[in-house]
Amino acid sequence: MPELHRLSSITGNPDADCDIDLGADRPLSDLHSSAQQTRDELDIWTMSGTTPTTDLPARPREWRSKSYDEKLQAHPEMKKEIADRDCAICFEIARDGSRTPCCRSLFCLEHISDWLNGPSSDGKCPSCGTPCTMRSNGSIALSDASHSPPELAHASSYAPSPLPSPYTGPHESTVDVEPIGGNFEV
């Protein structure tokens, strides 16, 4: 039998010294046969299409704890409050929040302004697609759909087509919402 190695403890305390077996007394062939036996057993289970039975209960498929769901059921307003303060564009707490009059979605004033007035903007609400405009005071107003710019057909020639009836720009309805002042705090 090979000799055991003695390791001293970090503190150098001889009472804490211990003997360890690094497996030197076991032939290498035993280790390989043991590993092969384990692989063979797993292959048998895999080929049979069954799994070994255990006494452990089946794991529930829900990833959230039941206490979270129970809390939401007991306090449905909690879910509404959480959603009511988040910007529908960046999904963070709205800064200088402003609501759209069409679907009452909340947005950061900067984000909704960029969305409605940006270079690639179509002037529609990001949540419901209703045409909206941004007023100079920061409020959002519905655009009158009957006065929206006409959709031009894709011309096959390079010659400009005459404009249809005079377009006077988007008209604002009387429904508007003033910006919500201040930042929200958690």
N, C-alpha and C. Protein backbone atom coordinates (compact mmCIF):
# COMPACT_ATOMS: atom_id res chain seq x y z
N MET A 1 0.85 -1.18 0.00
CA MET A 1 0.00 0.00 0.00
C MET A 1 0.89 1.23 0.00
N PRO A 2 0.57 2.21 -0.90
CA PRO A 2 1.40 3.42 -0.93
C PRO A 2 1.22 4.22 0.34
N GLU A 3 2.21 5.01 0.62
CA GLU A 3 2.18 5.78 1.86
C GLU A 3 1.26 6.99 1.71
N LEU A 4 0.56 7.34 2.77
CA LEU A 4 -0.35 8.49 2.77
C LEU A 4 0.46 9.77 2.95
N HIS A 5 0.02 10.82 2.31
CA HIS A 5 0.70 12.11 2.42
C HIS A 5 0.09 12.88 3.58
N ARG A 6 0.94 13.57 4.33
CA ARG A 6 0.46 14.39 5.44
C ARG A 6 0.49 15.85 5.03
N LEU A 7 -0.61 16.49 5.25
CA LEU A 7 -0.69 17.92 4.98
C LEU A 7 -0.90 18.63 6.30
N SER A 8 -0.20 19.71 6.49
CA SER A 8 -0.42 20.46 7.72
C SER A 8 -1.47 21.53 7.44
N SER A 9 -2.09 21.97 8.49
CA SER A 9 -3.13 22.98 8.34
C SER A 9 -2.49 24.33 8.03
N ILE A 10 -3.29 25.26 7.62
CA ILE A 10 -2.80 26.59 7.30
C ILE A 10 -2.22 27.25 8.55
N THR A 11 -2.84 27.00 9.68
CA THR A 11 -2.38 27.63 10.91
C THR A 11 -1.14 26.97 11.46
N GLY A 12 -0.81 25.79 10.97
CA GLY A 12 0.36 25.08 11.48
C GLY A 12 0.07 24.33 12.76
N ASN A 13 -1.17 24.21 13.13
CA ASN A 13 -1.57 23.51 14.34
C ASN A 13 -1.47 22.01 14.08
N PRO A 14 -0.64 21.28 14.83
CA PRO A 14 -0.49 19.84 14.58
C PRO A 14 -1.76 19.06 14.88
N ASP A 15 -2.65 19.60 15.72
CA ASP A 15 -3.90 18.90 16.01
C ASP A 15 -4.85 18.93 14.82
N ALA A 16 -4.66 19.91 13.93
CA ALA A 16 -5.54 20.06 12.78
C ALA A 16 -5.01 19.32 11.56
N ASP A 17 -3.82 18.70 11.68
CA ASP A 17 -3.27 17.95 10.55
C ASP A 17 -4.16 16.76 10.24
N CYS A 18 -4.20 16.37 8.97
CA CYS A 18 -5.03 15.24 8.59
C CYS A 18 -4.37 14.46 7.46
N ASP A 19 -4.75 13.20 7.33
CA ASP A 19 -4.26 12.35 6.27
C ASP A 19 -5.24 12.41 5.11
N ILE A 20 -4.73 12.43 3.88
CA ILE A 20 -5.61 12.38 2.73
C ILE A 20 -5.18 11.24 1.82
N ASP A 21 -6.14 10.67 1.14
CA ASP A 21 -5.89 9.59 0.19
C ASP A 21 -6.14 10.16 -1.20
N LEU A 22 -5.09 10.26 -2.00
CA LEU A 22 -5.21 10.83 -3.34
C LEU A 22 -5.54 9.79 -4.39
N GLY A 23 -5.92 8.58 -3.95
CA GLY A 23 -6.32 7.54 -4.87
C GLY A 23 -5.15 6.76 -5.44
N ALA A 24 -3.98 6.92 -4.86
CA ALA A 24 -2.80 6.24 -5.38
C ALA A 24 -2.87 4.73 -5.17
N ASP A 25 -3.66 4.27 -4.19
CA ASP A 25 -3.73 2.84 -3.93
C ASP A 25 -4.70 2.14 -4.85
N ARG A 26 -5.44 2.87 -5.68
CA ARG A 26 -6.43 2.27 -6.57
C ARG A 26 -5.86 2.19 -7.98
N PRO A 27 -5.87 1.03 -8.61
CA PRO A 27 -5.32 0.93 -9.97
C PRO A 27 -6.17 1.74 -10.95
N LEU A 28 -5.51 2.27 -11.96
CA LEU A 28 -6.17 3.09 -12.97
C LEU A 28 -7.24 2.31 -13.73
N SER A 29 -7.05 1.03 -13.92
CA SER A 29 -8.03 0.22 -14.64
C SER A 29 -9.36 0.16 -13.90
N ASP A 30 -9.34 0.18 -12.56
CA ASP A 30 -10.59 0.18 -11.79
C ASP A 30 -11.38 1.46 -12.03
N LEU A 31 -10.68 2.59 -12.13
CA LEU A 31 -11.36 3.87 -12.35
C LEU A 31 -12.04 3.88 -13.71
N HIS A 32 -11.36 3.40 -14.74
CA HIS A 32 -11.94 3.38 -16.09
C HIS A 32 -13.14 2.45 -16.16
N SER A 33 -13.06 1.30 -15.53
CA SER A 33 -14.18 0.35 -15.59
C SER A 33 -15.39 0.90 -14.84
N SER A 34 -15.16 1.61 -13.74
CA SER A 34 -16.26 2.20 -12.98
C SER A 34 -16.96 3.28 -13.80
N ALA A 35 -16.19 4.12 -14.49
CA ALA A 35 -16.78 5.17 -15.32
C ALA A 35 -17.55 4.57 -16.49
N GLN A 36 -17.01 3.52 -17.08
CA GLN A 36 -17.69 2.86 -18.20
C GLN A 36 -19.00 2.23 -17.75
N GLN A 37 -19.00 1.63 -16.55
CA GLN A 37 -20.21 1.00 -16.02
C GLN A 37 -21.30 2.06 -15.81
N THR A 38 -20.94 3.22 -15.30
CA THR A 38 -21.91 4.29 -15.09
C THR A 38 -22.48 4.75 -16.43
N ARG A 39 -21.62 4.92 -17.46
CA ARG A 39 -22.09 5.31 -18.78
C ARG A 39 -23.03 4.27 -19.37
N ASP A 40 -22.71 2.99 -19.19
CA ASP A 40 -23.56 1.92 -19.71
C ASP A 40 -24.93 1.93 -19.05
N GLU A 41 -24.97 2.17 -17.73
CA GLU A 41 -26.24 2.21 -17.01
C GLU A 41 -27.10 3.38 -17.51
N LEU A 42 -26.48 4.52 -17.73
CA LEU A 42 -27.23 5.67 -18.24
C LEU A 42 -27.76 5.41 -19.64
N ASP A 43 -26.96 4.76 -20.48
CA ASP A 43 -27.41 4.43 -21.83
C ASP A 43 -28.62 3.50 -21.81
N ILE A 44 -28.64 2.54 -20.89
CA ILE A 44 -29.78 1.61 -20.79
C ILE A 44 -31.05 2.39 -20.47
N TRP A 45 -30.98 3.33 -19.52
CA TRP A 45 -32.15 4.14 -19.17
C TRP A 45 -32.58 5.00 -20.35
N THR A 46 -31.61 5.57 -21.05
CA THR A 46 -31.93 6.44 -22.18
C THR A 46 -32.62 5.65 -23.29
N MET A 47 -32.10 4.48 -23.62
CA MET A 47 -32.68 3.68 -24.70
C MET A 47 -34.07 3.16 -24.35
N SER A 48 -34.33 2.92 -23.08
CA SER A 48 -35.64 2.38 -22.70
C SER A 48 -36.72 3.45 -22.74
N GLY A 49 -36.32 4.73 -22.74
CA GLY A 49 -37.30 5.81 -22.79
C GLY A 49 -37.94 6.10 -21.45
N THR A 50 -37.43 5.51 -20.41
CA THR A 50 -37.96 5.77 -19.08
C THR A 50 -36.88 6.37 -18.22
N THR A 51 -37.29 6.91 -17.14
CA THR A 51 -36.32 7.45 -16.20
C THR A 51 -36.44 6.71 -14.89
N PRO A 52 -35.37 6.67 -14.14
CA PRO A 52 -35.46 5.99 -12.85
C PRO A 52 -36.45 6.70 -11.94
N THR A 53 -37.17 5.94 -11.16
CA THR A 53 -38.15 6.54 -10.26
C THR A 53 -37.45 6.98 -8.98
N THR A 54 -37.93 8.06 -8.45
CA THR A 54 -37.40 8.56 -7.18
C THR A 54 -38.58 8.87 -6.28
N ASP A 55 -38.28 9.12 -5.05
CA ASP A 55 -39.32 9.48 -4.09
C ASP A 55 -39.56 10.99 -4.06
N LEU A 56 -38.85 11.72 -4.90
CA LEU A 56 -39.01 13.17 -4.91
C LEU A 56 -40.29 13.57 -5.63
N PRO A 57 -41.02 14.56 -5.12
CA PRO A 57 -42.23 15.02 -5.81
C PRO A 57 -41.85 15.73 -7.11
N ALA A 58 -42.78 15.74 -8.06
CA ALA A 58 -42.54 16.41 -9.33
C ALA A 58 -42.41 17.91 -9.11
N ARG A 59 -41.53 18.53 -9.83
CA ARG A 59 -41.30 19.96 -9.70
C ARG A 59 -42.42 20.72 -10.41
N PRO A 60 -43.02 21.71 -9.75
CA PRO A 60 -44.08 22.47 -10.41
C PRO A 60 -43.51 23.27 -11.58
N ARG A 61 -44.33 23.50 -12.59
CA ARG A 61 -43.86 24.20 -13.78
C ARG A 61 -43.86 25.72 -13.60
N GLU A 62 -44.47 26.21 -12.55
CA GLU A 62 -44.51 27.65 -12.33
C GLU A 62 -43.16 28.11 -11.81
N TRP A 63 -42.65 29.17 -12.37
CA TRP A 63 -41.35 29.68 -11.95
C TRP A 63 -41.49 30.72 -10.85
N ARG A 64 -42.64 31.39 -10.79
CA ARG A 64 -42.86 32.38 -9.75
C ARG A 64 -43.41 31.72 -8.51
N SER A 65 -43.10 32.27 -7.38
CA SER A 65 -43.63 31.70 -6.15
C SER A 65 -45.12 31.98 -6.07
N LYS A 66 -45.82 31.14 -5.37
CA LYS A 66 -47.27 31.31 -5.22
C LYS A 66 -47.59 32.56 -4.43
N SER A 67 -46.69 32.96 -3.54
CA SER A 67 -46.96 34.14 -2.73
C SER A 67 -47.08 35.39 -3.61
N TYR A 68 -46.30 35.47 -4.70
CA TYR A 68 -46.39 36.61 -5.61
C TYR A 68 -47.76 36.65 -6.28
N ASP A 69 -48.21 35.50 -6.79
CA ASP A 69 -49.53 35.43 -7.44
C ASP A 69 -50.64 35.73 -6.45
N GLU A 70 -50.51 35.21 -5.22
CA GLU A 70 -51.53 35.47 -4.20
C GLU A 70 -51.57 36.95 -3.86
N LYS A 71 -50.41 37.59 -3.81
CA LYS A 71 -50.36 39.01 -3.49
C LYS A 71 -51.03 39.83 -4.59
N LEU A 72 -50.82 39.45 -5.85
CA LEU A 72 -51.46 40.16 -6.95
C LEU A 72 -52.97 39.97 -6.94
N GLN A 73 -53.43 38.77 -6.56
CA GLN A 73 -54.88 38.52 -6.49
C GLN A 73 -55.50 39.29 -5.33
N ALA A 74 -54.80 39.36 -4.21
CA ALA A 74 -55.33 40.06 -3.04
C ALA A 74 -55.32 41.57 -3.26
N HIS A 75 -54.35 42.06 -4.03
CA HIS A 75 -54.23 43.50 -4.27
C HIS A 75 -54.11 43.77 -5.76
N PRO A 76 -55.21 43.68 -6.53
CA PRO A 76 -55.12 43.89 -7.98
C PRO A 76 -54.66 45.30 -8.34
N GLU A 77 -54.87 46.25 -7.44
CA GLU A 77 -54.43 47.61 -7.73
C GLU A 77 -52.91 47.71 -7.76
N MET A 78 -52.21 46.75 -7.11
CA MET A 78 -50.75 46.76 -7.11
C MET A 78 -50.22 46.61 -8.53
N LYS A 79 -50.80 45.71 -9.30
CA LYS A 79 -50.37 45.48 -10.68
C LYS A 79 -50.63 46.73 -11.52
N LYS A 80 -51.78 47.37 -11.30
CA LYS A 80 -52.13 48.57 -12.05
C LYS A 80 -51.18 49.72 -11.70
N GLU A 81 -50.83 49.86 -10.42
CA GLU A 81 -49.93 50.93 -10.01
C GLU A 81 -48.55 50.76 -10.62
N ILE A 82 -48.08 49.51 -10.69
CA ILE A 82 -46.76 49.26 -11.25
C ILE A 82 -46.75 49.64 -12.72
N ALA A 83 -47.78 49.24 -13.45
CA ALA A 83 -47.85 49.53 -14.88
C ALA A 83 -48.16 50.99 -15.14
N ASP A 84 -48.82 51.66 -14.22
CA ASP A 84 -49.26 53.03 -14.41
C ASP A 84 -48.15 54.06 -14.32
N ARG A 85 -47.00 53.70 -13.84
CA ARG A 85 -45.93 54.68 -13.70
C ARG A 85 -44.78 54.44 -14.66
N ASP A 86 -44.88 53.40 -15.49
CA ASP A 86 -43.82 53.06 -16.42
C ASP A 86 -44.09 53.63 -17.80
N CYS A 87 -43.04 54.12 -18.44
CA CYS A 87 -43.12 54.62 -19.82
C CYS A 87 -43.32 53.43 -20.74
N ALA A 88 -44.24 53.55 -21.69
CA ALA A 88 -44.54 52.45 -22.61
C ALA A 88 -43.50 52.33 -23.72
N ILE A 89 -42.51 53.21 -23.75
CA ILE A 89 -41.43 53.10 -24.74
C ILE A 89 -40.18 52.50 -24.11
N CYS A 90 -39.72 53.07 -22.99
CA CYS A 90 -38.47 52.59 -22.37
C CYS A 90 -38.72 51.61 -21.23
N PHE A 91 -39.96 51.47 -20.78
CA PHE A 91 -40.37 50.55 -19.72
C PHE A 91 -39.69 50.85 -18.38
N GLU A 92 -39.28 52.09 -18.19
CA GLU A 92 -38.76 52.54 -16.90
C GLU A 92 -39.75 53.55 -16.34
N ILE A 93 -39.52 53.98 -15.11
CA ILE A 93 -40.41 54.96 -14.50
C ILE A 93 -40.40 56.22 -15.36
N ALA A 94 -41.59 56.69 -15.74
CA ALA A 94 -41.72 57.82 -16.66
C ALA A 94 -41.16 59.09 -16.03
N ARG A 95 -40.35 59.81 -16.80
CA ARG A 95 -39.80 61.09 -16.37
C ARG A 95 -40.57 62.18 -17.10
N ASP A 96 -41.11 63.13 -16.37
CA ASP A 96 -41.97 64.17 -16.93
C ASP A 96 -43.06 63.51 -17.78
N GLY A 97 -43.78 62.59 -17.17
CA GLY A 97 -44.75 61.75 -17.87
C GLY A 97 -45.84 62.52 -18.58
N SER A 98 -46.28 61.97 -19.69
CA SER A 98 -47.38 62.53 -20.47
C SER A 98 -48.21 61.37 -21.01
N ARG A 99 -49.54 61.50 -20.93
CA ARG A 99 -50.45 60.44 -21.39
C ARG A 99 -51.03 60.80 -22.75
N THR A 100 -51.22 59.78 -23.56
CA THR A 100 -51.90 60.01 -24.84
C THR A 100 -53.40 60.00 -24.60
N PRO A 101 -54.15 60.85 -25.28
CA PRO A 101 -55.60 60.89 -25.08
C PRO A 101 -56.31 59.69 -25.71
N CYS A 102 -55.67 59.03 -26.66
CA CYS A 102 -56.33 57.92 -27.37
C CYS A 102 -56.43 56.67 -26.49
N CYS A 103 -55.33 56.20 -25.95
CA CYS A 103 -55.35 54.94 -25.18
C CYS A 103 -54.90 55.14 -23.74
N ARG A 104 -54.60 56.36 -23.35
CA ARG A 104 -54.21 56.72 -21.99
C ARG A 104 -52.89 56.07 -21.57
N SER A 105 -52.03 55.74 -22.53
CA SER A 105 -50.72 55.18 -22.21
C SER A 105 -49.81 56.28 -21.71
N LEU A 106 -48.93 55.94 -20.78
CA LEU A 106 -48.00 56.89 -20.18
C LEU A 106 -46.64 56.77 -20.87
N PHE A 107 -46.02 57.93 -21.14
CA PHE A 107 -44.71 57.97 -21.78
C PHE A 107 -43.86 59.04 -21.12
N CYS A 108 -42.54 58.88 -21.19
CA CYS A 108 -41.63 59.97 -20.83
C CYS A 108 -41.86 61.06 -21.87
N LEU A 109 -41.89 62.30 -21.45
CA LEU A 109 -42.13 63.40 -22.37
C LEU A 109 -41.09 63.41 -23.50
N GLU A 110 -39.84 63.16 -23.16
CA GLU A 110 -38.77 63.14 -24.17
C GLU A 110 -39.00 62.02 -25.19
N HIS A 111 -39.39 60.84 -24.72
CA HIS A 111 -39.57 59.70 -25.63
C HIS A 111 -40.77 59.88 -26.55
N ILE A 112 -41.89 60.34 -26.02
CA ILE A 112 -43.07 60.50 -26.88
C ILE A 112 -42.86 61.65 -27.85
N SER A 113 -42.12 62.67 -27.42
CA SER A 113 -41.82 63.79 -28.31
C SER A 113 -40.94 63.31 -29.47
N ASP A 114 -39.92 62.52 -29.16
CA ASP A 114 -39.06 61.96 -30.22
C ASP A 114 -39.87 61.04 -31.13
N TRP A 115 -40.78 60.27 -30.55
CA TRP A 115 -41.57 59.31 -31.33
C TRP A 115 -42.49 60.04 -32.32
N LEU A 116 -43.15 61.09 -31.83
CA LEU A 116 -44.12 61.80 -32.68
C LEU A 116 -43.48 62.80 -33.63
N ASN A 117 -42.31 63.36 -33.27
CA ASN A 117 -41.70 64.42 -34.07
C ASN A 117 -40.38 64.02 -34.71
N GLY A 118 -39.94 62.80 -34.52
CA GLY A 118 -38.65 62.37 -35.05
C GLY A 118 -38.63 62.32 -36.57
N PRO A 119 -37.43 62.16 -37.15
CA PRO A 119 -37.29 62.17 -38.61
C PRO A 119 -38.03 61.03 -39.31
N SER A 120 -38.15 59.89 -38.67
CA SER A 120 -38.85 58.76 -39.32
C SER A 120 -40.24 58.55 -38.71
N SER A 121 -40.77 59.58 -38.09
CA SER A 121 -42.06 59.47 -37.41
C SER A 121 -43.22 59.41 -38.38
N ASP A 122 -44.22 58.61 -38.02
CA ASP A 122 -45.46 58.61 -38.79
C ASP A 122 -46.56 59.36 -38.04
N GLY A 123 -46.20 59.91 -36.86
CA GLY A 123 -47.16 60.71 -36.10
C GLY A 123 -48.26 59.91 -35.43
N LYS A 124 -47.99 58.62 -35.17
CA LYS A 124 -49.01 57.77 -34.56
C LYS A 124 -48.58 57.32 -33.17
N CYS A 125 -49.55 57.10 -32.32
CA CYS A 125 -49.32 56.63 -30.96
C CYS A 125 -48.57 55.30 -31.01
N PRO A 126 -47.51 55.14 -30.22
CA PRO A 126 -46.77 53.88 -30.24
C PRO A 126 -47.58 52.70 -29.69
N SER A 127 -48.58 52.96 -28.88
CA SER A 127 -49.36 51.87 -28.29
C SER A 127 -50.51 51.42 -29.17
N CYS A 128 -51.30 52.37 -29.67
CA CYS A 128 -52.52 51.97 -30.40
C CYS A 128 -52.53 52.39 -31.86
N GLY A 129 -51.58 53.22 -32.30
CA GLY A 129 -51.50 53.61 -33.71
C GLY A 129 -52.41 54.74 -34.11
N THR A 130 -53.06 55.42 -33.17
CA THR A 130 -53.93 56.55 -33.48
C THR A 130 -53.07 57.77 -33.79
N PRO A 131 -53.40 58.53 -34.85
CA PRO A 131 -52.62 59.74 -35.15
C PRO A 131 -52.69 60.74 -34.00
N CYS A 132 -51.53 61.22 -33.57
CA CYS A 132 -51.42 62.18 -32.47
C CYS A 132 -50.44 63.28 -32.86
N THR A 133 -50.56 64.42 -32.21
CA THR A 133 -49.60 65.51 -32.40
C THR A 133 -49.14 65.98 -31.04
N MET A 134 -47.95 66.58 -31.04
CA MET A 134 -47.40 67.13 -29.81
C MET A 134 -47.57 68.64 -29.86
N ARG A 135 -48.20 69.19 -28.85
CA ARG A 135 -48.39 70.64 -28.79
C ARG A 135 -47.14 71.30 -28.23
N SER A 136 -47.04 72.59 -28.40
CA SER A 136 -45.87 73.33 -27.95
C SER A 136 -45.74 73.33 -26.42
N ASN A 137 -46.85 73.18 -25.71
CA ASN A 137 -46.79 73.16 -24.25
C ASN A 137 -46.45 71.77 -23.70
N GLY A 138 -46.21 70.80 -24.58
CA GLY A 138 -45.83 69.45 -24.14
C GLY A 138 -46.99 68.49 -24.02
N SER A 139 -48.22 68.96 -24.27
CA SER A 139 -49.35 68.04 -24.21
C SER A 139 -49.52 67.34 -25.55
N ILE A 140 -50.19 66.22 -25.52
CA ILE A 140 -50.42 65.42 -26.73
C ILE A 140 -51.88 65.56 -27.10
N ALA A 141 -52.14 65.76 -28.39
CA ALA A 141 -53.52 65.89 -28.86
C ALA A 141 -53.75 64.90 -29.99
N LEU A 142 -55.01 64.50 -30.13
CA LEU A 142 -55.39 63.62 -31.24
C LEU A 142 -55.39 64.42 -32.53
N SER A 143 -54.89 63.82 -33.59
CA SER A 143 -54.99 64.44 -34.91
C SER A 143 -56.32 64.04 -35.50
N ASP A 144 -56.95 64.94 -36.22
CA ASP A 144 -58.21 64.63 -36.87
C ASP A 144 -57.90 63.73 -38.06
N ALA A 145 -58.37 62.50 -38.05
CA ALA A 145 -58.03 61.51 -39.08
C ALA A 145 -58.51 61.93 -40.46
N SER A 146 -59.61 62.70 -40.53
CA SER A 146 -60.14 63.10 -41.84
C SER A 146 -59.23 64.11 -42.52
N HIS A 147 -58.36 64.77 -41.77
CA HIS A 147 -57.45 65.76 -42.35
C HIS A 147 -56.01 65.29 -42.35
N SER A 148 -55.80 64.01 -42.26
CA SER A 148 -54.43 63.50 -42.28
C SER A 148 -53.89 63.57 -43.70
N PRO A 149 -52.57 63.62 -43.88
CA PRO A 149 -52.02 63.73 -45.22
C PRO A 149 -52.41 62.53 -46.06
N PRO A 150 -52.70 62.74 -47.33
CA PRO A 150 -53.13 61.63 -48.18
C PRO A 150 -51.98 60.66 -48.42
N GLU A 151 -52.31 59.40 -48.57
CA GLU A 151 -51.32 58.38 -48.89
C GLU A 151 -51.07 58.44 -50.38
N LEU A 152 -49.85 58.71 -50.78
CA LEU A 152 -49.53 58.82 -52.19
C LEU A 152 -49.19 57.45 -52.73
N ALA A 153 -49.72 57.15 -53.92
CA ALA A 153 -49.40 55.88 -54.58
C ALA A 153 -47.97 55.96 -55.08
N HIS A 154 -47.31 54.83 -55.15
CA HIS A 154 -45.93 54.80 -55.61
C HIS A 154 -45.91 55.08 -57.11
N ALA A 155 -45.32 56.19 -57.50
CA ALA A 155 -45.31 56.60 -58.91
C ALA A 155 -44.28 55.79 -59.68
N SER A 156 -44.65 55.41 -60.91
CA SER A 156 -43.73 54.63 -61.74
C SER A 156 -42.80 55.54 -62.52
N SER A 157 -43.14 56.82 -62.66
CA SER A 157 -42.27 57.74 -63.39
C SER A 157 -41.65 58.71 -62.40
N TYR A 158 -40.68 59.46 -62.89
CA TYR A 158 -40.00 60.42 -62.03
C TYR A 158 -40.69 61.78 -62.03
N ALA A 159 -41.69 61.95 -62.85
CA ALA A 159 -42.39 63.23 -62.91
C ALA A 159 -43.22 63.40 -61.66
N PRO A 160 -43.18 64.60 -61.06
CA PRO A 160 -43.99 64.80 -59.86
C PRO A 160 -45.47 64.79 -60.21
N SER A 161 -46.25 64.19 -59.35
CA SER A 161 -47.69 64.15 -59.57
C SER A 161 -48.31 65.38 -58.93
N PRO A 162 -49.41 65.87 -59.49
CA PRO A 162 -50.05 67.04 -58.88
C PRO A 162 -50.62 66.66 -57.52
N LEU A 163 -50.60 67.63 -56.63
CA LEU A 163 -51.14 67.38 -55.29
C LEU A 163 -52.65 67.26 -55.36
N PRO A 164 -53.22 66.34 -54.58
CA PRO A 164 -54.68 66.30 -54.50
C PRO A 164 -55.19 67.55 -53.80
N SER A 165 -56.39 67.54 -53.30
CA SER A 165 -57.00 68.71 -52.67
C SER A 165 -56.02 69.37 -51.70
N PRO A 166 -56.16 70.66 -51.51
CA PRO A 166 -55.20 71.37 -50.64
C PRO A 166 -55.16 70.74 -49.25
N TYR A 167 -53.95 70.55 -48.80
CA TYR A 167 -53.74 69.96 -47.47
C TYR A 167 -53.37 71.09 -46.52
N THR A 168 -54.13 71.23 -45.47
CA THR A 168 -53.89 72.33 -44.54
C THR A 168 -53.16 71.87 -43.29
N GLY A 169 -52.75 70.63 -43.24
CA GLY A 169 -52.01 70.14 -42.08
C GLY A 169 -52.93 69.44 -41.10
N PRO A 170 -52.35 68.80 -40.10
CA PRO A 170 -53.18 68.08 -39.13
C PRO A 170 -53.99 69.05 -38.28
N HIS A 171 -55.22 68.71 -38.06
CA HIS A 171 -56.08 69.51 -37.20
C HIS A 171 -56.18 68.83 -35.86
N GLU A 172 -56.18 69.61 -34.83
CA GLU A 172 -56.23 69.05 -33.49
C GLU A 172 -57.66 68.99 -32.99
N SER A 173 -57.97 67.93 -32.29
CA SER A 173 -59.30 67.83 -31.69
C SER A 173 -59.27 68.55 -30.35
N THR A 174 -60.39 68.61 -29.71
CA THR A 174 -60.46 69.32 -28.43
C THR A 174 -60.00 68.45 -27.26
N VAL A 175 -59.73 67.17 -27.51
CA VAL A 175 -59.31 66.29 -26.44
C VAL A 175 -57.80 66.37 -26.30
N ASP A 176 -57.32 66.81 -25.17
CA ASP A 176 -55.89 66.80 -24.93
C ASP A 176 -55.64 66.57 -23.44
N VAL A 177 -54.42 66.21 -23.14
CA VAL A 177 -54.05 65.90 -21.77
C VAL A 177 -52.82 66.72 -21.43
N GLU A 178 -52.87 67.38 -20.31
CA GLU A 178 -51.72 68.16 -19.87
C GLU A 178 -50.65 67.20 -19.34
N PRO A 179 -49.38 67.59 -19.45
CA PRO A 179 -48.32 66.73 -18.95
C PRO A 179 -48.43 66.53 -17.44
N ILE A 180 -47.98 65.40 -17.01
CA ILE A 180 -47.94 65.10 -15.58
C ILE A 180 -46.65 65.70 -15.06
N GLY A 181 -46.72 66.53 -14.06
CA GLY A 181 -45.53 67.22 -13.58
C GLY A 181 -44.65 66.36 -12.71
N GLY A 182 -43.37 66.64 -12.77
CA GLY A 182 -42.40 66.01 -11.86
C GLY A 182 -42.01 64.61 -12.26
N ASN A 183 -41.05 64.10 -11.54
CA ASN A 183 -40.57 62.74 -11.74
C ASN A 183 -41.22 61.83 -10.73
N PHE A 184 -41.40 60.60 -11.10
CA PHE A 184 -41.96 59.62 -10.18
C PHE A 184 -40.83 59.06 -9.33
N GLU A 185 -41.11 58.79 -8.09
CA GLU A 185 -40.12 58.18 -7.22
C GLU A 185 -40.65 56.86 -6.73
N VAL A 186 -39.73 55.92 -6.54
CA VAL A 186 -40.13 54.60 -6.06
C VAL A 186 -40.23 54.62 -4.56
